[in-house]
Amino acid sequence: MRATLTDVDDTAILRRTAAGAALVVLLGLIVVVWSIGSSNPFTPAGYVGYLTKGAVVGQSRFYGIQRGPTSPGRTWLLDVTNVSITPYTYTEDFSHDDAVLSRDNLKIAFQVHTVWHVDDARVPLFMDRFSTTVGRAVLEKDPDAIVKIAYGNFVREPLRTFARDEVQRRNGLEVKDALIPIGDAVLARIQRYATGSPFIISSVVVGNVQYPEEVAMAVSRKLAATQELQRKDTEIEIERKERTKREVQAQGIANAMQIIRGQLSAMYIQHEAIEAQKLMVNSPNHTVVYIPVGPMGVPLTGTFTATEPRGPGVTPR
């Protein structure tokens, strides 16, 4: 009887042990499966995360959005697609085969620079209607691949069409002087086109206009000729001013000589000479030297006799 009871107790203990071991294994398996199937996806700053929750059986569904930097916490079969909401600057090139004919059939090359971003309040709309499926490997290499593809599918070709149309409405040489109006017109048209979409177009700038080489050379020659004409005109004006200046100076000298001739006399000059001699005599530091002079007041040099004080070359009267 005792042996039977002992066997029953041992069997119960073994069963409980086995059940406990199985429970531990099951719990461990659940933990492993949970660790493998759950995730805590992170959205960095400048991005909005589009969260989706998968299903082992059934359909995946939209779970919500999160604005970075953040994460939702570890959740079963949760995945995120991060969409950048920072501004982008894309350049559309119209050169070589893409150059545009103006209204007067002049082939013009130029570039259009567009600043735009995704509306952070419309990221679900962006993912549902404007984005395409991009592989995880591609996103790891280029996190903005989704946005670039969406721009190419929705914005790029209409923008290029509007830019071509605005340039074709003008004559070739008028384009370089109308870059701002062209950019404003393209911006207004692309903004109307993008109304109601998640694309916000901030600005459009048209620049880097290039004309065919022969046209550029002709314009350069014309500009050089214009500058040469302006230089000649400047030189002529300078010569005219110089002539006027010389005439004024000559007239001033003539007027001064006329005044001098009218006011100076021999008696006045003699009076001035006497006054100057008085000043020298009264000066404590002076030396007076008297020298013979000719009829014009020029000093005479040479040897003279007392009876003939004339200087050389003076003809006796």
C-alpha atoms as a PDB file:
ATOM      1  CA  MET A   1       0.000   0.000   0.000  1.00  0.00           C
ATOM      2  CA  ARG A   2       2.797   2.406   0.930  1.00  0.00           C
ATOM      3  CA  ALA A   3       4.660   1.539  -2.288  1.00  0.00           C
ATOM      4  CA  THR A   4       1.585   2.388  -4.322  1.00  0.00           C
ATOM      5  CA  LEU A   5       1.179   5.791  -2.645  1.00  0.00           C
ATOM      6  CA  THR A   6       4.832   6.570  -3.174  1.00  0.00           C
ATOM      7  CA  ASP A   7       4.590   5.757  -6.865  1.00  0.00           C
ATOM      8  CA  VAL A   8       1.557   8.026  -7.232  1.00  0.00           C
ATOM      9  CA  ASP A   9       3.359  10.916  -5.527  1.00  0.00           C
ATOM     10  CA  ASP A  10       6.423  10.504  -7.712  1.00  0.00           C
ATOM     11  CA  THR A  11       4.275  10.454 -10.831  1.00  0.00           C
ATOM     12  CA  ALA A  12       2.501  13.677  -9.756  1.00  0.00           C
ATOM     13  CA  ILE A  13       5.802  15.346  -9.050  1.00  0.00           C
ATOM     14  CA  LEU A  14       7.131  14.318 -12.438  1.00  0.00           C
ATOM     15  CA  ARG A  15       4.030  15.641 -14.121  1.00  0.00           C
ATOM     16  CA  ARG A  16       4.248  18.963 -12.316  1.00  0.00           C
ATOM     17  CA  THR A  17       7.919  19.208 -13.159  1.00  0.00           C
ATOM     18  CA  ALA A  18       7.241  18.436 -16.804  1.00  0.00           C
ATOM     19  CA  ALA A  19       4.381  20.945 -16.886  1.00  0.00           C
ATOM     20  CA  GLY A  20       6.596  23.592 -15.309  1.00  0.00           C
ATOM     21  CA  ALA A  21       9.378  22.874 -17.765  1.00  0.00           C
ATOM     22  CA  ALA A  22       6.935  23.027 -20.676  1.00  0.00           C
ATOM     23  CA  LEU A  23       5.575  26.336 -19.385  1.00  0.00           C
ATOM     24  CA  VAL A  24       9.080  27.753 -19.110  1.00  0.00           C
ATOM     25  CA  VAL A  25       9.877  26.597 -22.659  1.00  0.00           C
ATOM     26  CA  LEU A  26       6.610  28.065 -23.916  1.00  0.00           C
ATOM     27  CA  LEU A  27       7.264  31.359 -22.194  1.00  0.00           C
ATOM     28  CA  GLY A  28      10.785  31.423 -23.588  1.00  0.00           C
ATOM     29  CA  LEU A  29       9.456  30.684 -27.057  1.00  0.00           C
ATOM     30  CA  ILE A  30       6.900  33.468 -26.724  1.00  0.00           C
ATOM     31  CA  VAL A  31       9.622  35.878 -25.624  1.00  0.00           C
ATOM     32  CA  VAL A  32      11.798  34.886 -28.582  1.00  0.00           C
ATOM     33  CA  VAL A  33       8.933  35.228 -31.041  1.00  0.00           C
ATOM     34  CA  TRP A  34       7.943  38.585 -29.505  1.00  0.00           C
ATOM     35  CA  SER A  35      11.509  39.824 -29.719  1.00  0.00           C
ATOM     36  CA  ILE A  36      11.705  38.829 -33.347  1.00  0.00           C
ATOM     37  CA  GLY A  37       8.272  40.112 -34.389  1.00  0.00           C
ATOM     38  CA  SER A  38       8.101  43.333 -32.372  1.00  0.00           C
ATOM     39  CA  SER A  39       9.971  46.548 -32.925  1.00  0.00           C
ATOM     40  CA  ASN A  40      10.287  50.099 -31.696  1.00  0.00           C
ATOM     41  CA  PRO A  41      10.702  52.120 -34.917  1.00  0.00           C
ATOM     42  CA  PHE A  42      12.411  55.496 -34.588  1.00  0.00           C
ATOM     43  CA  THR A  43      11.698  58.687 -36.516  1.00  0.00           C
ATOM     44  CA  PRO A  44      14.547  61.274 -36.546  1.00  0.00           C
ATOM     45  CA  ALA A  45      14.144  65.040 -36.389  1.00  0.00           C
ATOM     46  CA  GLY A  46      12.900  66.624 -39.587  1.00  0.00           C
ATOM     47  CA  TYR A  47      10.810  63.574 -40.501  1.00  0.00           C
ATOM     48  CA  VAL A  48       7.253  62.388 -39.972  1.00  0.00           C
ATOM     49  CA  GLY A  49       6.880  58.641 -39.473  1.00  0.00           C
ATOM     50  CA  TYR A  50       4.041  56.769 -41.200  1.00  0.00           C
ATOM     51  CA  LEU A  51       3.371  53.780 -38.919  1.00  0.00           C
ATOM     52  CA  THR A  52       1.818  50.525 -40.168  1.00  0.00           C
ATOM     53  CA  LYS A  53       0.998  47.404 -38.186  1.00  0.00           C
ATOM     54  CA  GLY A  54       1.415  44.071 -39.871  1.00  0.00           C
ATOM     55  CA  ALA A  55      -0.467  40.833 -39.260  1.00  0.00           C
ATOM     56  CA  VAL A  56       0.487  37.173 -39.312  1.00  0.00           C
ATOM     57  CA  VAL A  57      -2.972  36.327 -40.566  1.00  0.00           C
ATOM     58  CA  GLY A  58      -5.095  39.041 -42.159  1.00  0.00           C
ATOM     59  CA  GLN A  59      -4.274  42.499 -43.480  1.00  0.00           C
ATOM     60  CA  SER A  60      -1.807  45.147 -42.446  1.00  0.00           C
ATOM     61  CA  ARG A  61      -3.278  48.491 -41.457  1.00  0.00           C
ATOM     62  CA  PHE A  62      -2.390  52.120 -40.821  1.00  0.00           C
ATOM     63  CA  TYR A  63      -1.383  52.559 -37.184  1.00  0.00           C
ATOM     64  CA  GLY A  64      -0.658  56.301 -36.945  1.00  0.00           C
ATOM     65  CA  ILE A  65       1.968  58.999 -37.503  1.00  0.00           C
ATOM     66  CA  GLN A  66       4.745  60.256 -35.284  1.00  0.00           C
ATOM     67  CA  ARG A  67       6.780  63.444 -35.571  1.00  0.00           C
ATOM     68  CA  GLY A  68      10.466  63.004 -34.967  1.00  0.00           C
ATOM     69  CA  PRO A  69      12.509  62.676 -32.983  1.00  0.00           C
ATOM     70  CA  THR A  70      10.426  59.976 -31.296  1.00  0.00           C
ATOM     71  CA  SER A  71       9.470  56.304 -31.233  1.00  0.00           C
ATOM     72  CA  PRO A  72       6.163  54.621 -30.243  1.00  0.00           C
ATOM     73  CA  GLY A  73       7.562  51.970 -27.902  1.00  0.00           C
ATOM     74  CA  ARG A  74       8.036  48.298 -28.678  1.00  0.00           C
ATOM     75  CA  THR A  75       4.974  46.983 -30.486  1.00  0.00           C
ATOM     76  CA  TRP A  76       4.098  43.764 -32.279  1.00  0.00           C
ATOM     77  CA  LEU A  77       4.722  43.835 -36.068  1.00  0.00           C
ATOM     78  CA  LEU A  78       5.032  47.641 -36.128  1.00  0.00           C
ATOM     79  CA  ASP A  79       6.911  49.319 -38.981  1.00  0.00           C
ATOM     80  CA  VAL A  80       7.567  52.929 -39.975  1.00  0.00           C
ATOM     81  CA  THR A  81       8.236  54.795 -43.203  1.00  0.00           C
ATOM     82  CA  ASN A  82       9.910  58.126 -42.498  1.00  0.00           C
ATOM     83  CA  VAL A  83       9.034  61.039 -44.768  1.00  0.00           C
ATOM     84  CA  SER A  84      11.216  64.139 -44.723  1.00  0.00           C
ATOM     85  CA  ILE A  85       9.347  67.425 -44.242  1.00  0.00           C
ATOM     86  CA  THR A  86      12.403  69.682 -44.569  1.00  0.00           C
ATOM     87  CA  PRO A  87      12.722  71.938 -47.644  1.00  0.00           C
ATOM     88  CA  TYR A  88      14.288  70.542 -50.800  1.00  0.00           C
ATOM     89  CA  THR A  89      15.917  72.461 -53.636  1.00  0.00           C
ATOM     90  CA  TYR A  90      15.670  70.671 -56.969  1.00  0.00           C
ATOM     91  CA  THR A  91      17.143  71.931 -60.233  1.00  0.00           C
ATOM     92  CA  GLU A  92      15.617  71.280 -63.631  1.00  0.00           C
ATOM     93  CA  ASP A  93      18.078  71.683 -66.481  1.00  0.00           C
ATOM     94  CA  PHE A  94      17.057  72.895 -69.948  1.00  0.00           C
ATOM     95  CA  SER A  95      20.227  72.577 -71.983  1.00  0.00           C
ATOM     96  CA  HIS A  96      21.521  70.717 -75.026  1.00  0.00           C
ATOM     97  CA  ASP A  97      18.587  68.718 -76.415  1.00  0.00           C
ATOM     98  CA  ASP A  98      16.235  70.151 -73.763  1.00  0.00           C
ATOM     99  CA  ALA A  99      16.936  73.777 -74.715  1.00  0.00           C
ATOM    100  CA  VAL A 100      13.801  75.796 -75.477  1.00  0.00           C
ATOM    101  CA  LEU A 101      12.958  77.817 -78.604  1.00  0.00           C
ATOM    102  CA  SER A 102      11.847  81.354 -77.871  1.00  0.00           C
ATOM    103  CA  ARG A 103       9.089  83.172 -79.754  1.00  0.00           C
ATOM    104  CA  ASP A 104      11.613  84.354 -82.366  1.00  0.00           C
ATOM    105  CA  ASN A 105      13.076  80.825 -82.707  1.00  0.00           C
ATOM    106  CA  LEU A 106      16.212  81.433 -80.677  1.00  0.00           C
ATOM    107  CA  LYS A 107      17.383  78.344 -78.815  1.00  0.00           C
ATOM    108  CA  ILE A 108      17.896  79.153 -75.132  1.00  0.00           C
ATOM    109  CA  ALA A 109      19.389  77.027 -72.364  1.00  0.00           C
ATOM    110  CA  PHE A 110      18.496  77.779 -68.740  1.00  0.00           C
ATOM    111  CA  GLN A 111      17.812  76.212 -65.335  1.00  0.00           C
ATOM    112  CA  VAL A 112      14.842  76.264 -62.976  1.00  0.00           C
ATOM    113  CA  HIS A 113      15.509  76.005 -59.226  1.00  0.00           C
ATOM    114  CA  THR A 114      12.518  74.947 -57.104  1.00  0.00           C
ATOM    115  CA  VAL A 115      12.226  75.032 -53.306  1.00  0.00           C
ATOM    116  CA  TRP A 116       9.485  72.779 -51.930  1.00  0.00           C
ATOM    117  CA  HIS A 117       8.601  70.418 -49.071  1.00  0.00           C
ATOM    118  CA  VAL A 118       5.979  67.891 -48.017  1.00  0.00           C
ATOM    119  CA  ASP A 119       3.127  69.187 -45.862  1.00  0.00           C
ATOM    120  CA  ASP A 120       3.608  67.510 -42.476  1.00  0.00           C
ATOM    121  CA  ALA A 121      -0.172  67.525 -41.883  1.00  0.00           C
ATOM    122  CA  ARG A 122      -0.757  65.529 -45.069  1.00  0.00           C
ATOM    123  CA  VAL A 123       1.782  62.768 -44.753  1.00  0.00           C
ATOM    124  CA  PRO A 124      -0.956  60.048 -44.709  1.00  0.00           C
ATOM    125  CA  LEU A 125      -2.334  61.490 -47.971  1.00  0.00           C
ATOM    126  CA  PHE A 126       1.179  61.583 -49.369  1.00  0.00           C
ATOM    127  CA  MET A 127       1.776  57.913 -48.542  1.00  0.00           C
ATOM    128  CA  ASP A 128      -1.650  56.751 -49.747  1.00  0.00           C
ATOM    129  CA  ARG A 129      -1.834  58.583 -53.074  1.00  0.00           C
ATOM    130  CA  PHE A 130       1.541  59.991 -54.129  1.00  0.00           C
ATOM    131  CA  SER A 131       4.271  57.642 -52.930  1.00  0.00           C
ATOM    132  CA  THR A 132       5.423  54.344 -54.324  1.00  0.00           C
ATOM    133  CA  THR A 133       6.760  51.229 -52.711  1.00  0.00           C
ATOM    134  CA  VAL A 134      10.477  51.503 -52.100  1.00  0.00           C
ATOM    135  CA  GLY A 135      12.581  48.613 -50.856  1.00  0.00           C
ATOM    136  CA  ARG A 136      14.072  48.720 -47.386  1.00  0.00           C
ATOM    137  CA  ALA A 137      17.587  48.441 -48.823  1.00  0.00           C
ATOM    138  CA  VAL A 138      17.002  51.520 -51.000  1.00  0.00           C
ATOM    139  CA  LEU A 139      15.693  53.520 -48.037  1.00  0.00           C
ATOM    140  CA  GLU A 140      18.721  52.603 -45.951  1.00  0.00           C
ATOM    141  CA  LYS A 141      20.970  54.047 -48.657  1.00  0.00           C
ATOM    142  CA  ASP A 142      18.768  57.071 -49.393  1.00  0.00           C
ATOM    143  CA  PRO A 143      16.142  57.959 -46.743  1.00  0.00           C
ATOM    144  CA  ASP A 144      14.621  60.544 -49.119  1.00  0.00           C
ATOM    145  CA  ALA A 145      14.024  58.109 -51.973  1.00  0.00           C
ATOM    146  CA  ILE A 146      10.239  58.110 -51.418  1.00  0.00           C
ATOM    147  CA  VAL A 147      10.057  61.903 -51.608  1.00  0.00           C
ATOM    148  CA  LYS A 148      12.253  62.077 -54.705  1.00  0.00           C
ATOM    149  CA  ILE A 149      10.140  59.519 -56.546  1.00  0.00           C
ATOM    150  CA  ALA A 150       6.923  61.297 -55.584  1.00  0.00           C
ATOM    151  CA  TYR A 151       8.344  64.623 -56.833  1.00  0.00           C
ATOM    152  CA  GLY A 152       9.321  63.005 -60.109  1.00  0.00           C
ATOM    153  CA  ASN A 153       5.856  61.497 -60.555  1.00  0.00           C
ATOM    154  CA  PHE A 154       3.768  64.518 -59.584  1.00  0.00           C
ATOM    155  CA  VAL A 155       5.703  67.818 -59.770  1.00  0.00           C
ATOM    156  CA  ARG A 156       8.597  67.473 -62.204  1.00  0.00           C
ATOM    157  CA  GLU A 157       6.913  67.266 -65.597  1.00  0.00           C
ATOM    158  CA  PRO A 158       4.222  69.921 -64.955  1.00  0.00           C
ATOM    159  CA  LEU A 159       6.932  72.257 -63.660  1.00  0.00           C
ATOM    160  CA  ARG A 160       9.052  71.728 -66.771  1.00  0.00           C
ATOM    161  CA  THR A 161       6.020  72.263 -68.994  1.00  0.00           C
ATOM    162  CA  PHE A 162       5.154  75.566 -67.317  1.00  0.00           C
ATOM    163  CA  ALA A 163       8.773  76.765 -67.546  1.00  0.00           C
ATOM    164  CA  ARG A 164       9.010  75.933 -71.255  1.00  0.00           C
ATOM    165  CA  ASP A 165       5.722  77.681 -71.956  1.00  0.00           C
ATOM    166  CA  GLU A 166       6.736  80.894 -70.163  1.00  0.00           C
ATOM    167  CA  VAL A 167      10.044  81.097 -72.055  1.00  0.00           C
ATOM    168  CA  GLN A 168       8.390  80.367 -75.424  1.00  0.00           C
ATOM    169  CA  ARG A 169       6.086  83.355 -74.951  1.00  0.00           C
ATOM    170  CA  ARG A 170       9.015  85.819 -75.104  1.00  0.00           C
ATOM    171  CA  ASN A 171      11.616  86.829 -77.635  1.00  0.00           C
ATOM    172  CA  GLY A 172      15.051  85.372 -77.070  1.00  0.00           C
ATOM    173  CA  LEU A 173      16.929  88.484 -75.955  1.00  0.00           C
ATOM    174  CA  GLU A 174      14.032  89.476 -73.681  1.00  0.00           C
ATOM    175  CA  VAL A 175      14.366  86.350 -71.552  1.00  0.00           C
ATOM    176  CA  LYS A 176      17.490  87.459 -69.671  1.00  0.00           C
ATOM    177  CA  ASP A 177      15.714  90.657 -68.581  1.00  0.00           C
ATOM    178  CA  ALA A 178      12.521  88.830 -67.533  1.00  0.00           C
ATOM    179  CA  LEU A 179      13.881  86.073 -65.290  1.00  0.00           C
ATOM    180  CA  ILE A 180      11.982  87.248 -62.198  1.00  0.00           C
ATOM    181  CA  PRO A 181       8.608  87.587 -64.001  1.00  0.00           C
ATOM    182  CA  ILE A 182       9.132  84.161 -65.584  1.00  0.00           C
ATOM    183  CA  GLY A 183       9.917  82.603 -62.203  1.00  0.00           C
ATOM    184  CA  ASP A 184       6.877  84.255 -60.605  1.00  0.00           C
ATOM    185  CA  ALA A 185       4.608  83.049 -63.400  1.00  0.00           C
ATOM    186  CA  VAL A 186       5.891  79.470 -63.151  1.00  0.00           C
ATOM    187  CA  LEU A 187       5.502  79.570 -59.349  1.00  0.00           C
ATOM    188  CA  ALA A 188       1.887  80.751 -59.585  1.00  0.00           C
ATOM    189  CA  ARG A 189       0.997  78.020 -62.079  1.00  0.00           C
ATOM    190  CA  ILE A 190       2.683  75.170 -60.204  1.00  0.00           C
ATOM    191  CA  GLN A 191       1.107  76.299 -56.922  1.00  0.00           C
ATOM    192  CA  ARG A 192      -2.346  76.211 -58.508  1.00  0.00           C
ATOM    193  CA  TYR A 193      -1.565  72.769 -59.866  1.00  0.00           C
ATOM    194  CA  ALA A 194      -0.421  71.489 -56.433  1.00  0.00           C
ATOM    195  CA  THR A 195      -3.422  72.879 -54.538  1.00  0.00           C
ATOM    196  CA  GLY A 196      -4.925  70.151 -52.346  1.00  0.00           C
ATOM    197  CA  SER A 197      -1.823  67.971 -52.602  1.00  0.00           C
ATOM    198  CA  PRO A 198       0.811  67.371 -49.910  1.00  0.00           C
ATOM    199  CA  PHE A 199       3.376  69.292 -51.981  1.00  0.00           C
ATOM    200  CA  ILE A 200       4.071  72.879 -50.867  1.00  0.00           C
ATOM    201  CA  ILE A 201       6.019  74.852 -53.511  1.00  0.00           C
ATOM    202  CA  SER A 202       7.796  77.785 -51.851  1.00  0.00           C
ATOM    203  CA  SER A 203       9.706  79.431 -54.690  1.00  0.00           C
ATOM    204  CA  VAL A 204      10.776  79.054 -58.296  1.00  0.00           C
ATOM    205  CA  VAL A 205      13.881  80.810 -59.609  1.00  0.00           C
ATOM    206  CA  VAL A 206      14.912  80.852 -63.273  1.00  0.00           C
ATOM    207  CA  GLY A 207      18.591  81.457 -64.003  1.00  0.00           C
ATOM    208  CA  ASN A 208      21.781  80.448 -65.799  1.00  0.00           C
ATOM    209  CA  VAL A 209      20.444  81.634 -69.157  1.00  0.00           C
ATOM    210  CA  GLN A 210      22.763  80.747 -72.020  1.00  0.00           C
ATOM    211  CA  TYR A 211      22.396  81.741 -75.661  1.00  0.00           C
ATOM    212  CA  PRO A 212      23.966  80.013 -78.687  1.00  0.00           C
ATOM    213  CA  GLU A 213      27.635  80.840 -79.096  1.00  0.00           C
ATOM    214  CA  GLU A 214      27.146  82.926 -82.240  1.00  0.00           C
ATOM    215  CA  VAL A 215      24.471  85.027 -80.532  1.00  0.00           C
ATOM    216  CA  ALA A 216      26.631  85.484 -77.443  1.00  0.00           C
ATOM    217  CA  MET A 217      29.563  86.608 -79.625  1.00  0.00           C
ATOM    218  CA  ALA A 218      27.360  89.079 -81.518  1.00  0.00           C
ATOM    219  CA  VAL A 219      26.051  90.524 -78.261  1.00  0.00           C
ATOM    220  CA  SER A 220      29.613  90.796 -76.937  1.00  0.00           C
ATOM    221  CA  ARG A 221      30.761  92.621 -80.076  1.00  0.00           C
ATOM    222  CA  LYS A 222      27.825  94.996 -79.882  1.00  0.00           C
ATOM    223  CA  LEU A 223      28.532  95.670 -76.230  1.00  0.00           C
ATOM    224  CA  ALA A 224      32.217  96.276 -76.972  1.00  0.00           C
ATOM    225  CA  ALA A 225      31.296  98.715 -79.791  1.00  0.00           C
ATOM    226  CA  THR A 226      28.871 100.532 -77.506  1.00  0.00           C
ATOM    227  CA  GLN A 227      31.509 100.852 -74.804  1.00  0.00           C
ATOM    228  CA  GLU A 228      34.026 102.146 -77.375  1.00  0.00           C
ATOM    229  CA  LEU A 229      31.552 104.794 -78.549  1.00  0.00           C
ATOM    230  CA  GLN A 230      30.930 105.830 -74.961  1.00  0.00           C
ATOM    231  CA  ARG A 231      34.675 106.078 -74.390  1.00  0.00           C
ATOM    232  CA  LYS A 232      35.072 108.291 -77.497  1.00  0.00           C
ATOM    233  CA  ASP A 233      32.204 110.505 -76.365  1.00  0.00           C
ATOM    234  CA  THR A 234      33.883 110.850 -72.984  1.00  0.00           C
ATOM    235  CA  GLU A 235      37.193 111.792 -74.595  1.00  0.00           C
ATOM    236  CA  ILE A 236      35.483 114.387 -76.809  1.00  0.00           C
ATOM    237  CA  GLU A 237      33.748 115.886 -73.801  1.00  0.00           C
ATOM    238  CA  ILE A 238      37.055 116.016 -71.907  1.00  0.00           C
ATOM    239  CA  GLU A 239      38.745 117.803 -74.838  1.00  0.00           C
ATOM    240  CA  ARG A 240      35.843 120.243 -75.031  1.00  0.00           C
ATOM    241  CA  LYS A 241      36.181 121.032 -71.346  1.00  0.00           C
ATOM    242  CA  GLU A 242      39.960 121.416 -71.668  1.00  0.00           C
ATOM    243  CA  ARG A 243      39.529 123.833 -74.587  1.00  0.00           C
ATOM    244  CA  THR A 244      37.032 125.882 -72.611  1.00  0.00           C
ATOM    245  CA  LYS A 245      39.452 125.903 -69.677  1.00  0.00           C
ATOM    246  CA  ARG A 246      42.331 127.146 -71.848  1.00  0.00           C
ATOM    247  CA  GLU A 247      40.143 129.825 -73.395  1.00  0.00           C
ATOM    248  CA  VAL A 248      39.083 131.036 -69.975  1.00  0.00           C
ATOM    249  CA  GLN A 249      42.698 131.068 -68.776  1.00  0.00           C
ATOM    250  CA  ALA A 250      43.858 132.974 -71.880  1.00  0.00           C
ATOM    251  CA  GLN A 251      41.072 135.490 -71.501  1.00  0.00           C
ATOM    252  CA  GLY A 252      42.004 135.974 -67.851  1.00  0.00           C
ATOM    253  CA  ILE A 253      45.659 136.546 -68.714  1.00  0.00           C
ATOM    254  CA  ALA A 254      44.705 138.989 -71.460  1.00  0.00           C
ATOM    255  CA  ASN A 255      42.435 140.907 -69.112  1.00  0.00           C
ATOM    256  CA  ALA A 256      45.162 141.008 -66.459  1.00  0.00           C
ATOM    257  CA  MET A 257      47.762 142.294 -68.971  1.00  0.00           C
ATOM    258  CA  GLN A 258      45.352 144.945 -70.138  1.00  0.00           C
ATOM    259  CA  ILE A 259      44.813 146.104 -66.566  1.00  0.00           C
ATOM    260  CA  ILE A 260      48.570 146.114 -65.873  1.00  0.00           C
ATOM    261  CA  ARG A 261      49.330 148.093 -69.034  1.00  0.00           C
ATOM    262  CA  GLY A 262      46.641 150.599 -68.192  1.00  0.00           C
ATOM    263  CA  GLN A 263      47.756 151.252 -64.626  1.00  0.00           C
ATOM    264  CA  LEU A 264      51.585 151.000 -64.688  1.00  0.00           C
ATOM    265  CA  SER A 265      53.684 154.002 -65.722  1.00  0.00           C
ATOM    266  CA  ALA A 266      57.378 154.891 -65.623  1.00  0.00           C
ATOM    267  CA  MET A 267      56.836 157.334 -62.753  1.00  0.00           C
ATOM    268  CA  TYR A 268      54.942 154.746 -60.717  1.00  0.00           C
ATOM    269  CA  ILE A 269      57.654 152.143 -61.232  1.00  0.00           C
ATOM    270  CA  GLN A 270      60.340 154.690 -60.244  1.00  0.00           C
ATOM    271  CA  HIS A 271      58.349 155.538 -57.117  1.00  0.00           C
ATOM    272  CA  GLU A 272      58.122 151.865 -56.147  1.00  0.00           C
ATOM    273  CA  ALA A 273      61.869 151.453 -56.670  1.00  0.00           C
ATOM    274  CA  ILE A 274      62.618 154.424 -54.382  1.00  0.00           C
ATOM    275  CA  GLU A 275      60.336 153.035 -51.690  1.00  0.00           C
ATOM    276  CA  ALA A 276      62.073 149.668 -51.871  1.00  0.00           C
ATOM    277  CA  GLN A 277      65.485 151.369 -51.497  1.00  0.00           C
ATOM    278  CA  LYS A 278      64.218 153.220 -48.418  1.00  0.00           C
ATOM    279  CA  LEU A 279      63.219 149.970 -46.810  1.00  0.00           C
ATOM    280  CA  MET A 280      66.659 148.483 -47.472  1.00  0.00           C
ATOM    281  CA  VAL A 281      68.458 151.504 -46.020  1.00  0.00           C
ATOM    282  CA  ASN A 282      66.449 151.342 -42.789  1.00  0.00           C
ATOM    283  CA  SER A 283      67.063 147.599 -42.454  1.00  0.00           C
ATOM    284  CA  PRO A 284      69.919 146.624 -40.026  1.00  0.00           C
ATOM    285  CA  ASN A 285      70.988 143.734 -42.247  1.00  0.00           C
ATOM    286  CA  HIS A 286      71.461 144.917 -45.794  1.00  0.00           C
ATOM    287  CA  THR A 287      74.054 145.485 -48.425  1.00  0.00           C
ATOM    288  CA  VAL A 288      73.458 147.951 -51.201  1.00  0.00           C
ATOM    289  CA  VAL A 289      75.212 147.353 -54.526  1.00  0.00           C
ATOM    290  CA  TYR A 290      74.698 149.763 -57.380  1.00  0.00           C
ATOM    291  CA  ILE A 291      75.244 148.377 -60.827  1.00  0.00           C
ATOM    292  CA  PRO A 292      74.894 150.037 -64.211  1.00  0.00           C
ATOM    293  CA  VAL A 293      71.849 149.080 -66.211  1.00  0.00           C
ATOM    294  CA  GLY A 294      70.845 149.521 -69.780  1.00  0.00           C
ATOM    295  CA  PRO A 295      67.811 151.278 -71.193  1.00  0.00           C
ATOM    296  CA  MET A 296      65.555 148.272 -70.419  1.00  0.00           C
ATOM    297  CA  GLY A 297      66.841 147.881 -66.862  1.00  0.00           C
ATOM    298  CA  VAL A 298      69.089 144.928 -67.687  1.00  0.00           C
ATOM    299  CA  PRO A 299      72.343 144.978 -65.640  1.00  0.00           C
ATOM    300  CA  LEU A 300      75.466 145.829 -67.712  1.00  0.00           C
ATOM    301  CA  THR A 301      78.723 143.934 -67.215  1.00  0.00           C
ATOM    302  CA  GLY A 302      82.197 144.880 -68.406  1.00  0.00           C
ATOM    303  CA  THR A 303      85.006 147.443 -67.852  1.00  0.00           C
ATOM    304  CA  PHE A 304      83.994 151.102 -68.171  1.00  0.00           C
ATOM    305  CA  THR A 305      86.014 154.338 -68.143  1.00  0.00           C
ATOM    306  CA  ALA A 306      85.023 157.283 -66.060  1.00  0.00           C
ATOM    307  CA  THR A 307      84.611 159.470 -69.115  1.00  0.00           C
ATOM    308  CA  GLU A 308      82.574 156.851 -70.973  1.00  0.00           C
ATOM    309  CA  PRO A 309      80.333 155.046 -68.467  1.00  0.00           C
ATOM    310  CA  ARG A 310      78.469 153.399 -71.280  1.00  0.00           C
ATOM    311  CA  GLY A 311      78.278 149.668 -71.271  1.00  0.00           C
ATOM    312  CA  PRO A 312      79.288 147.458 -74.162  1.00  0.00           C
ATOM    313  CA  GLY A 313      77.049 147.701 -77.100  1.00  0.00           C
ATOM    314  CA  VAL A 314      75.709 151.131 -76.108  1.00  0.00           C
ATOM    315  CA  THR A 315      75.796 153.388 -79.101  1.00  0.00           C
ATOM    316  CA  PRO A 316      76.864 156.978 -78.307  1.00  0.00           C
ATOM    317  CA  ARG A 317      74.361 159.621 -79.255  1.00  0.00           C
END
